[in-house]
Amino acid sequence: MKIAFHGAARVVTGSKHLLTLTSGKKYLLDCGMFQGMGPETDVLNRTWGFDPAEVDHLILSHAHIDHSGLIPKLVKDGFSGRIFCTPATRELTSVLLEDSAAIQEEEIRFIAKRHGMPSSANQPLYDQQDAKAALDKFETVEYEKWFKIDEQVQFMYTDAGHIIGSAAVHLKILENGKETRLTFSGDVGRYRDVILNSPEKFPQADYILIESTYGNSLHDPDVSTPDLLLEWVEKTCITKKGKLIIPAFSVGRTQEILFALNQLELENRLPDLDYFVDSPLSIAVTEIVKHFPALFNDRIQKILQTDQDPFAFKGLKYIRSVEESKGLNYRNQPCVIISASGMADAGRVKHHISNNIENSRNTILLVGYCEPHSLGGRLMAGAREVTIFDVLHEVNAEVGSIRSMSAHGDYQDLSQFLSCQNTAAVKKVFIVHGEYEVQQAFREKLIKKGFVDVEIPALHYEIGLG
């Protein structure tokens, strides 16, 4: 059998790993969209490196767009097999993919209008009908149950603790009477997550694909997210009388922010302001998250005994329509705006930043990982000028960050995730889903941990296993 890495190879986004058996059958692990890669993003998302029509089945680790976002294009381009995921991932992906299509269509219309050109001059990767068609191929699989795809391949999901429904994928592959075990980590969460269960232990593997987003760094365990949020709210909205704009991923990050603000209210420390969640997707996702309380950790289970909704508080307002969203631009009162996407490269938050970035009273607060070429990444790196929707803006607003809010595990979390493995029995580890410099540092750490053969595959690299 062979494995090829068609995304998340020496970069963080675009997760796609293709297993090809000697029988010719092909199994794709994830089908993610590249995000925040600058001008080459669109080219990367339109170039597969393989024929979608030849793929027999897709196993999805979780719903985030950099892992699921090209599924409608895969189906549109000829894929006709089954798509496996957990029940929560099925619900989340259904809204994420339709939202992704809607964003693509809207941005094409917006840019075409600005430049006086027909929207037909550019085409989205897929439209909302493509997204709905892809969802018909989804089939759900519960955690910790081996599922037989065919006579050669079976797999099991274990909770990865990254977002609701996220999973590590464990495969047993039978070829010529020999069984090979391969684990794909998906994205690994944190063992001290404020909402979710910790990542689970998993069976011994022969080969491991491990993510590495924070493979060379440690999150500060003593940092209090509610305290840090409160500092930014008070500094921006109370002292400077400005707007605090928080780009936040709709899945995971938005709920963590709402939970932290809810904590501040329970402690009678939440400033009396308007807090807007300006993202229909984030609103829908928050409702979905509430459908799966069994996936919350013990701490949240106890809170639910006295607080029926840990994601709601005084002053919280949901913005649904485009007209309401635009109305926030004309608002002069201090407020907090939480909006997608987390890297600030798409969605309504991009418009909010465009309209507020030149005012020094305002703050753009980045609360998680941003790919360096994304708008969020450029702001985090200290850019004094940025181009948004082809218009150059001076960065007069303050730019802050709360790195501790990442849903990705750090080096210690990743090490703990792998600690259930006998390193001598692991034939090879492939480091994926990370920036190359980070991966190189993480590789050295894994070798010191006892893993003998650790490789960092490049894009479209293919290698035989066994």
Protein backbone atom coordinates (compact mmCIF):
# COMPACT_ATOMS: atom_id res chain seq x y z
CA MET A 1 0.00 0.00 0.00
CA LYS A 2 1.01 3.62 -0.50
CA ILE A 3 0.13 6.92 1.13
CA ALA A 4 0.26 10.33 -0.54
CA PHE A 5 -0.01 13.73 1.13
CA HIS A 6 -2.10 16.13 -0.95
CA GLY A 7 -2.59 18.82 1.68
CA ALA A 8 -1.49 19.92 5.16
CA ALA A 9 2.02 18.98 4.02
CA ARG A 10 4.51 21.49 5.47
CA VAL A 11 1.55 23.87 5.84
CA VAL A 12 -1.31 23.96 8.34
CA THR A 13 -4.34 23.80 6.06
CA GLY A 14 -5.80 21.66 3.26
CA SER A 15 -5.72 18.28 5.04
CA LYS A 16 -5.89 15.45 2.46
CA HIS A 17 -4.05 12.12 2.78
CA LEU A 18 -4.69 9.35 0.23
CA LEU A 19 -4.19 5.65 0.94
CA THR A 20 -3.90 3.40 -2.12
CA LEU A 21 -3.94 -0.37 -1.61
CA THR A 22 -2.27 -2.87 -3.92
CA SER A 23 -5.80 -3.85 -5.01
CA GLY A 24 -6.19 -0.33 -6.40
CA LYS A 25 -8.77 0.78 -3.84
CA LYS A 26 -8.29 4.34 -2.55
CA TYR A 27 -9.28 5.79 0.81
CA LEU A 28 -9.02 9.52 1.49
CA LEU A 29 -8.41 10.81 5.01
CA ASP A 30 -10.01 14.29 5.18
CA CYS A 31 -10.71 16.62 2.28
CA GLY A 32 -9.81 20.05 3.55
CA MET A 33 -9.65 23.46 1.97
CA PHE A 34 -6.42 25.46 1.86
CA GLN A 35 -6.89 28.75 3.71
CA GLY A 36 -4.85 31.92 4.08
CA MET A 37 -2.11 30.93 1.63
CA GLY A 38 -2.11 34.24 -0.23
CA PRO A 39 -2.48 34.35 -4.03
CA GLU A 40 -1.74 30.63 -4.41
CA THR A 41 -4.72 29.62 -2.22
CA ASP A 42 -7.16 29.38 -5.12
CA VAL A 43 -4.75 27.39 -7.29
CA LEU A 44 -4.10 24.93 -4.45
CA ASN A 45 -7.84 24.44 -3.93
CA ARG A 46 -8.43 23.74 -7.63
CA THR A 47 -5.57 21.22 -7.99
CA TRP A 48 -6.10 17.78 -6.48
CA GLY A 49 -2.97 15.82 -7.27
CA PHE A 50 -5.26 12.80 -7.78
CA ASP A 51 -8.49 11.90 -9.58
CA PRO A 52 -11.51 12.30 -7.27
CA ALA A 53 -13.45 9.76 -9.35
CA GLU A 54 -10.91 7.08 -8.38
CA VAL A 55 -11.38 7.54 -4.62
CA ASP A 56 -13.57 4.80 -3.13
CA HIS A 57 -14.29 6.21 0.34
CA LEU A 58 -13.58 9.28 2.50
CA ILE A 59 -12.99 9.16 6.26
CA LEU A 60 -13.43 12.57 7.86
CA SER A 61 -11.74 13.45 11.17
CA HIS A 62 -13.76 16.56 12.01
CA ALA A 63 -15.79 19.45 10.61
CA HIS A 64 -13.32 22.35 10.40
CA ILE A 65 -13.12 23.71 6.86
CA ASP A 66 -9.40 23.01 6.51
CA HIS A 67 -10.35 19.33 6.95
CA SER A 68 -13.77 19.18 5.27
CA GLY A 69 -14.07 22.24 3.03
CA LEU A 70 -13.39 20.65 -0.37
CA ILE A 71 -15.83 17.75 0.02
CA PRO A 72 -18.46 19.37 -2.28
CA LYS A 73 -15.80 19.93 -4.95
CA LEU A 74 -14.63 16.33 -4.54
CA VAL A 75 -18.17 15.11 -5.25
CA LYS A 76 -18.63 17.66 -8.03
CA ASP A 77 -15.42 16.39 -9.66
CA GLY A 78 -16.46 12.73 -9.69
CA PHE A 79 -16.26 11.15 -6.22
CA SER A 80 -19.19 8.76 -5.69
CA GLY A 81 -18.27 6.82 -2.55
CA ARG A 82 -19.32 7.03 1.10
CA ILE A 83 -18.18 9.74 3.53
CA PHE A 84 -17.75 8.60 7.13
CA CYS A 85 -17.83 10.87 10.19
CA THR A 86 -19.12 11.07 13.77
CA PRO A 87 -22.73 12.19 14.37
CA ALA A 88 -21.69 15.62 15.68
CA THR A 89 -19.34 16.12 12.73
CA ARG A 90 -22.22 15.34 10.36
CA GLU A 91 -24.36 18.09 11.90
CA LEU A 92 -21.54 20.63 12.00
CA THR A 93 -20.32 19.90 8.48
CA SER A 94 -23.81 20.33 7.04
CA VAL A 95 -23.90 24.00 8.10
CA LEU A 96 -20.20 24.68 7.54
CA LEU A 97 -20.16 23.54 3.91
CA GLU A 98 -23.29 25.46 2.93
CA ASP A 99 -21.88 28.54 4.65
CA SER A 100 -18.56 28.10 2.82
CA ALA A 101 -20.39 28.00 -0.50
CA ALA A 102 -22.43 31.07 0.41
CA ILE A 103 -19.28 33.01 1.38
CA GLN A 104 -17.58 32.13 -1.91
CA GLU A 105 -20.62 33.25 -3.90
CA GLU A 106 -20.97 36.49 -1.92
CA GLU A 107 -17.27 37.44 -2.18
CA ILE A 108 -17.32 36.92 -5.94
CA ARG A 109 -20.39 39.19 -6.20
CA PHE A 110 -18.79 41.79 -3.90
CA ILE A 111 -15.50 41.96 -5.81
CA ALA A 112 -17.30 41.95 -9.19
CA LYS A 113 -19.49 44.86 -8.09
CA ARG A 114 -16.50 46.83 -6.80
CA HIS A 115 -14.57 46.39 -10.05
CA GLY A 116 -17.56 46.72 -12.40
CA MET A 117 -17.17 43.25 -13.88
CA PRO A 118 -19.64 40.37 -14.29
CA SER A 119 -19.57 37.83 -11.43
CA SER A 120 -19.37 35.09 -14.09
CA ALA A 121 -15.74 36.15 -14.65
CA ASN A 122 -14.88 34.19 -11.50
CA GLN A 123 -16.49 30.97 -10.31
CA PRO A 124 -16.67 29.57 -6.76
CA LEU A 125 -15.09 26.21 -6.01
CA TYR A 126 -18.65 24.98 -5.48
CA ASP A 127 -22.10 26.39 -4.79
CA GLN A 128 -24.73 25.67 -2.17
CA GLN A 129 -26.38 22.99 -4.31
CA ASP A 130 -23.04 21.18 -4.56
CA ALA A 131 -22.74 21.32 -0.77
CA LYS A 132 -26.22 19.82 -0.28
CA ALA A 133 -25.48 17.06 -2.82
CA ALA A 134 -22.32 16.09 -0.95
CA LEU A 135 -24.17 15.74 2.36
CA ASP A 136 -26.25 12.90 0.90
CA LYS A 137 -23.12 10.73 0.92
CA PHE A 138 -22.43 11.10 4.67
CA GLU A 139 -22.69 8.07 6.96
CA THR A 140 -22.16 8.40 10.72
CA VAL A 141 -20.01 6.16 12.91
CA GLU A 142 -19.91 6.29 16.72
CA TYR A 143 -16.76 6.60 18.81
CA GLU A 144 -14.89 3.47 19.95
CA LYS A 145 -16.61 1.04 17.59
CA TRP A 146 -14.75 -0.75 14.81
CA PHE A 147 -16.55 -0.16 11.52
CA LYS A 148 -15.92 -2.48 8.57
CA ILE A 149 -15.82 -0.58 5.26
CA ASP A 150 -15.02 -3.65 3.16
CA GLU A 151 -13.06 -6.91 3.33
CA GLN A 152 -9.74 -5.08 3.54
CA VAL A 153 -10.34 -1.99 5.68
CA GLN A 154 -12.00 -1.26 9.00
CA PHE A 155 -11.59 1.76 11.23
CA MET A 156 -12.44 3.16 14.64
CA TYR A 157 -12.89 6.74 15.89
CA THR A 158 -11.63 7.95 19.27
CA ASP A 159 -12.39 11.38 20.72
CA ALA A 160 -9.63 13.86 19.82
CA GLY A 161 -10.93 16.60 22.13
CA HIS A 162 -10.43 19.35 19.53
CA ILE A 163 -14.03 20.39 18.73
CA ILE A 164 -17.40 18.71 19.21
CA GLY A 165 -17.31 15.48 17.19
CA SER A 166 -13.60 15.59 16.41
CA ALA A 167 -11.85 12.24 16.14
CA ALA A 168 -8.59 10.48 15.61
CA VAL A 169 -8.91 7.77 12.95
CA HIS A 170 -7.49 4.27 13.51
CA LEU A 171 -7.39 1.89 10.56
CA LYS A 172 -6.78 -1.84 10.30
CA ILE A 173 -5.79 -2.69 6.72
CA LEU A 174 -5.53 -6.28 5.51
CA GLU A 175 -3.28 -7.01 2.52
CA ASN A 176 -1.92 -10.42 1.50
CA GLY A 177 -2.84 -11.90 4.88
CA LYS A 178 -0.97 -9.17 6.80
CA GLU A 179 -2.66 -6.54 8.98
CA THR A 180 -1.27 -3.02 9.09
CA ARG A 181 -2.46 -0.47 11.66
CA LEU A 182 -2.41 3.22 10.81
CA THR A 183 -3.52 6.15 13.00
CA PHE A 184 -4.35 9.62 11.75
CA SER A 185 -4.58 12.10 14.62
CA GLY A 186 -6.81 14.64 12.90
CA ASP A 187 -6.42 17.70 15.13
CA VAL A 188 -5.51 16.96 18.73
CA GLY A 189 -7.19 19.02 21.44
CA ARG A 190 -5.99 20.06 24.85
CA TYR A 191 -5.99 17.93 28.00
CA ARG A 192 -7.16 20.94 30.03
CA ASP A 193 -9.85 22.17 27.64
CA VAL A 194 -12.50 24.29 29.35
CA ILE A 195 -15.43 22.59 27.57
CA LEU A 196 -14.48 19.27 25.95
CA ASN A 197 -13.28 15.87 27.10
CA SER A 198 -9.56 15.16 26.82
CA PRO A 199 -8.17 13.22 23.84
CA GLU A 200 -8.50 9.46 24.33
CA LYS A 201 -5.84 6.78 24.33
CA PHE A 202 -5.70 4.67 21.18
CA PRO A 203 -4.52 1.20 20.05
CA GLN A 204 -0.94 0.49 19.05
CA ALA A 205 -0.18 1.66 15.51
CA ASP A 206 2.42 0.71 12.93
CA TYR A 207 2.21 4.12 11.24
CA ILE A 208 1.08 7.46 12.67
CA LEU A 209 0.11 10.72 10.99
CA ILE A 210 0.36 13.40 13.69
CA GLU A 211 -0.66 17.05 13.45
CA SER A 212 1.90 19.66 14.58
CA THR A 213 0.25 23.09 14.63
CA TYR A 214 1.81 23.94 18.02
CA GLY A 215 4.51 21.27 17.91
CA ASN A 216 7.27 23.57 19.15
CA SER A 217 5.44 25.65 21.77
CA LEU A 218 3.61 25.45 25.09
CA HIS A 219 0.39 27.15 26.08
CA ASP A 220 0.54 29.04 29.37
CA PRO A 221 -1.33 26.85 31.88
CA ASP A 222 -1.75 29.73 34.33
CA VAL A 223 -3.52 32.07 31.93
CA SER A 224 -7.19 32.80 32.67
CA THR A 225 -9.14 33.35 29.46
CA PRO A 226 -11.97 35.26 31.21
CA ASP A 227 -9.44 37.59 32.86
CA LEU A 228 -7.65 38.27 29.58
CA LEU A 229 -10.91 38.92 27.74
CA LEU A 230 -12.00 41.27 30.50
CA GLU A 231 -8.76 43.25 30.17
CA TRP A 232 -9.37 43.81 26.44
CA VAL A 233 -13.05 44.66 26.93
CA GLU A 234 -12.23 47.24 29.59
CA LYS A 235 -9.27 48.72 27.71
CA THR A 236 -11.11 49.07 24.40
CA CYS A 237 -14.76 49.61 25.28
CA ILE A 238 -14.55 51.32 28.67
CA THR A 239 -11.32 53.32 28.45
CA LYS A 240 -11.10 54.10 24.70
CA LYS A 241 -14.86 53.94 24.03
CA GLY A 242 -14.16 51.83 20.93
CA LYS A 243 -15.20 48.56 19.34
CA LEU A 244 -13.53 45.27 20.23
CA ILE A 245 -13.62 43.06 17.12
CA ILE A 246 -12.83 39.39 17.69
CA PRO A 247 -12.34 37.16 14.62
CA ALA A 248 -13.36 33.72 15.85
CA PHE A 249 -13.89 30.36 14.20
CA SER A 250 -17.57 29.45 14.33
CA VAL A 251 -16.80 25.97 15.66
CA GLY A 252 -15.08 25.82 19.02
CA ARG A 253 -13.61 29.27 19.42
CA THR A 254 -16.87 31.23 19.43
CA GLN A 255 -18.35 28.89 22.04
CA GLU A 256 -15.22 29.21 24.21
CA ILE A 257 -15.46 33.02 24.11
CA LEU A 258 -19.16 32.93 24.99
CA PHE A 259 -18.46 30.52 27.84
CA ALA A 260 -15.72 32.83 29.20
CA LEU A 261 -18.00 35.89 29.03
CA ASN A 262 -20.74 33.87 30.75
CA GLN A 263 -18.26 33.12 33.54
CA LEU A 264 -17.58 36.83 33.95
CA GLU A 265 -21.31 37.47 34.30
CA LEU A 266 -21.67 34.71 36.89
CA GLU A 267 -18.86 36.42 38.84
CA ASN A 268 -20.56 39.85 38.43
CA ARG A 269 -17.55 41.17 36.50
CA LEU A 270 -18.98 41.49 32.97
CA PRO A 271 -19.15 45.14 31.80
CA ASP A 272 -22.63 46.37 30.86
CA LEU A 273 -22.22 46.47 27.07
CA ASP A 274 -23.69 44.99 23.91
CA TYR A 275 -21.93 41.77 22.82
CA PHE A 276 -22.75 40.86 19.21
CA VAL A 277 -22.24 37.47 17.62
CA ASP A 278 -22.37 38.50 13.97
CA SER A 279 -22.34 35.17 12.21
CA PRO A 280 -25.40 33.09 11.30
CA LEU A 281 -23.03 30.14 11.13
CA SER A 282 -21.74 30.70 14.68
CA ILE A 283 -25.33 30.93 15.91
CA ALA A 284 -26.24 27.64 14.21
CA VAL A 285 -23.07 25.94 15.43
CA THR A 286 -23.64 27.03 19.03
CA GLU A 287 -27.09 25.41 18.91
CA ILE A 288 -25.58 22.21 17.50
CA VAL A 289 -22.92 22.14 20.23
CA LYS A 290 -25.70 22.28 22.83
CA HIS A 291 -27.16 19.09 21.27
CA PHE A 292 -24.14 17.04 22.41
CA PRO A 293 -23.71 17.67 26.16
CA ALA A 294 -22.38 14.13 26.61
CA LEU A 295 -19.19 15.30 24.89
CA PHE A 296 -18.63 18.06 27.48
CA ASN A 297 -16.14 17.46 30.28
CA ASP A 298 -17.08 16.90 33.94
CA ARG A 299 -16.67 20.57 34.82
CA ILE A 300 -19.29 21.67 32.30
CA GLN A 301 -21.58 18.83 33.37
CA LYS A 302 -21.57 20.31 36.90
CA ILE A 303 -22.18 23.85 35.60
CA LEU A 304 -25.16 22.58 33.59
CA GLN A 305 -26.81 21.54 36.87
CA THR A 306 -27.24 25.21 37.81
CA ASP A 307 -26.82 27.10 34.51
CA GLN A 308 -28.98 25.73 31.71
CA ASP A 309 -27.11 27.69 29.03
CA PRO A 310 -23.37 28.24 29.69
CA PHE A 311 -23.06 30.14 26.40
CA ALA A 312 -25.57 32.95 27.17
CA PHE A 313 -25.35 36.12 29.29
CA LYS A 314 -26.76 39.62 29.69
CA GLY A 315 -26.06 41.88 26.72
CA LEU A 316 -25.58 39.04 24.21
CA LYS A 317 -27.22 39.75 20.85
CA TYR A 318 -27.22 37.57 17.74
CA ILE A 319 -26.95 39.22 14.32
CA ARG A 320 -28.49 37.21 11.50
CA SER A 321 -29.27 39.43 8.52
CA VAL A 322 -26.82 41.24 6.26
CA GLU A 323 -28.67 44.50 6.95
CA GLU A 324 -28.19 44.12 10.73
CA SER A 325 -24.51 43.33 10.18
CA LYS A 326 -24.01 46.43 8.05
CA GLY A 327 -25.80 48.47 10.71
CA LEU A 328 -22.99 47.74 13.16
CA ASN A 329 -20.69 49.88 10.96
CA TYR A 330 -22.78 52.96 11.78
CA ARG A 331 -22.87 52.27 15.49
CA ASN A 332 -20.77 54.72 17.55
CA GLN A 333 -21.29 53.20 20.99
CA PRO A 334 -18.64 50.86 22.43
CA CYS A 335 -19.39 47.19 21.86
CA VAL A 336 -17.87 43.75 21.32
CA ILE A 337 -18.28 42.07 17.91
CA ILE A 338 -17.50 38.36 17.63
CA SER A 339 -17.54 37.21 14.01
CA ALA A 340 -16.15 34.54 11.69
CA SER A 341 -13.72 33.61 10.30
CA GLY A 342 -10.93 33.06 12.83
CA MET A 343 -8.11 33.95 10.43
CA ALA A 344 -10.08 37.05 9.31
CA ASP A 345 -9.68 35.98 5.69
CA ALA A 346 -13.37 35.54 4.88
CA GLY A 347 -16.87 36.13 6.16
CA ARG A 348 -18.44 39.12 7.89
CA VAL A 349 -15.49 39.82 10.18
CA LYS A 350 -13.44 40.81 7.15
CA HIS A 351 -15.93 43.60 6.48
CA HIS A 352 -15.89 44.69 10.14
CA ILE A 353 -12.11 44.91 10.12
CA SER A 354 -12.17 46.79 6.83
CA ASN A 355 -14.57 49.36 8.30
CA ASN A 356 -12.87 49.77 11.69
CA ILE A 357 -9.16 49.16 11.27
CA GLU A 358 -8.22 52.80 10.67
CA ASN A 359 -9.76 54.04 13.93
CA SER A 360 -7.31 54.02 16.85
CA ARG A 361 -10.12 53.64 19.41
CA ASN A 362 -10.82 50.12 18.13
CA THR A 363 -9.07 46.81 18.73
CA ILE A 364 -8.74 43.69 16.59
CA LEU A 365 -8.28 40.79 19.02
CA LEU A 366 -6.92 37.55 17.51
CA VAL A 367 -7.73 34.52 19.64
CA GLY A 368 -6.08 31.53 17.99
CA TYR A 369 -3.85 30.27 15.22
CA CYS A 370 -3.62 32.38 12.05
CA GLU A 371 -1.77 31.16 8.96
CA PRO A 372 1.04 33.70 8.36
CA HIS A 373 -0.27 34.81 4.94
CA SER A 374 -3.85 35.30 6.16
CA LEU A 375 -5.18 38.74 7.12
CA GLY A 376 -5.10 37.70 10.77
CA GLY A 377 -1.55 36.41 10.40
CA ARG A 378 -0.36 39.65 8.82
CA LEU A 379 -2.00 41.71 11.56
CA MET A 380 -0.49 39.48 14.23
CA ALA A 381 2.95 39.95 12.64
CA GLY A 382 2.63 43.73 13.03
CA ALA A 383 1.71 44.90 9.52
CA ARG A 384 1.11 48.67 9.41
CA GLU A 385 -0.84 48.47 6.16
CA VAL A 386 -3.10 45.71 4.85
CA THR A 387 -5.14 45.24 1.71
CA ILE A 388 -8.75 44.15 2.27
CA PHE A 389 -11.09 43.65 -0.69
CA ASP A 390 -8.40 45.24 -2.91
CA VAL A 391 -8.34 48.44 -0.79
CA LEU A 392 -5.22 49.46 1.15
CA HIS A 393 -5.86 50.35 4.81
CA GLU A 394 -3.61 51.86 7.47
CA VAL A 395 -3.60 49.78 10.65
CA ASN A 396 -4.43 52.38 13.29
CA ALA A 397 -6.56 50.11 15.45
CA GLU A 398 -4.73 48.23 18.18
CA VAL A 399 -4.03 44.57 17.39
CA GLY A 400 -3.97 42.14 20.29
CA SER A 401 -3.91 38.38 20.70
CA ILE A 402 -4.81 35.68 23.20
CA ARG A 403 -2.76 32.71 22.05
CA SER A 404 -3.89 30.53 24.97
CA MET A 405 -7.33 30.04 23.44
CA SER A 406 -6.17 27.68 20.70
CA ALA A 407 -8.15 24.44 20.43
CA HIS A 408 -4.96 22.73 19.23
CA GLY A 409 -2.84 20.87 21.72
CA ASP A 410 0.68 22.16 22.34
CA TYR A 411 3.88 20.10 22.42
CA GLN A 412 3.03 18.58 25.80
CA ASP A 413 -0.51 17.70 24.70
CA LEU A 414 0.77 16.06 21.50
CA SER A 415 3.36 14.15 23.52
CA GLN A 416 0.70 12.96 25.95
CA PHE A 417 -1.49 11.91 23.02
CA LEU A 418 1.36 9.73 21.69
CA SER A 419 2.41 8.41 25.11
CA CYS A 420 0.09 5.38 24.84
CA GLN A 421 2.31 4.02 22.03
CA ASN A 422 5.27 1.65 22.24
CA THR A 423 7.74 3.72 20.21
CA ALA A 424 9.73 0.64 19.22
CA ALA A 425 6.64 -0.83 17.53
CA VAL A 426 5.93 2.30 15.45
CA LYS A 427 7.57 1.88 12.05
CA LYS A 428 7.21 5.50 10.95
CA VAL A 429 5.67 8.78 12.07
CA PHE A 430 4.58 11.35 9.49
CA ILE A 431 4.31 14.92 10.75
CA VAL A 432 1.51 16.82 9.00
CA HIS A 433 -0.61 19.92 9.48
CA GLY A 434 2.03 22.43 10.57
CA GLU A 435 4.45 25.10 9.42
CA TYR A 436 7.70 23.53 8.23
CA GLU A 437 9.96 25.19 10.80
CA VAL A 438 7.63 24.08 13.59
CA GLN A 439 7.57 20.55 12.18
CA GLN A 440 11.36 20.36 12.09
CA ALA A 441 11.53 21.29 15.78
CA PHE A 442 8.74 18.82 16.60
CA ARG A 443 10.57 16.07 14.71
CA GLU A 444 13.61 16.47 16.96
CA LYS A 445 11.37 16.27 20.04
CA LEU A 446 9.74 13.05 18.79
CA ILE A 447 13.11 11.44 18.09
CA LYS A 448 14.16 12.27 21.65
CA LYS A 449 10.94 10.62 22.83
CA GLY A 450 12.05 7.38 21.17
CA PHE A 451 10.36 7.44 17.76
CA VAL A 452 13.04 6.22 15.36
CA ASP A 453 11.73 7.09 11.89
CA VAL A 454 10.04 10.51 11.70
CA GLU A 455 9.34 12.13 8.34
CA ILE A 456 7.94 15.49 7.22
CA PRO A 457 6.23 14.86 3.85
CA ALA A 458 6.09 17.56 1.18
CA LEU A 459 2.99 18.31 -0.89
CA HIS A 460 1.97 15.39 -3.17
CA TYR A 461 4.76 13.21 -1.73
CA GLU A 462 3.94 9.49 -1.99
CA ILE A 463 5.59 6.60 -0.16
CA GLY A 464 5.04 2.86 0.20
CA LEU A 465 4.10 1.38 3.57
CA GLY A 466 4.91 -2.11 4.76
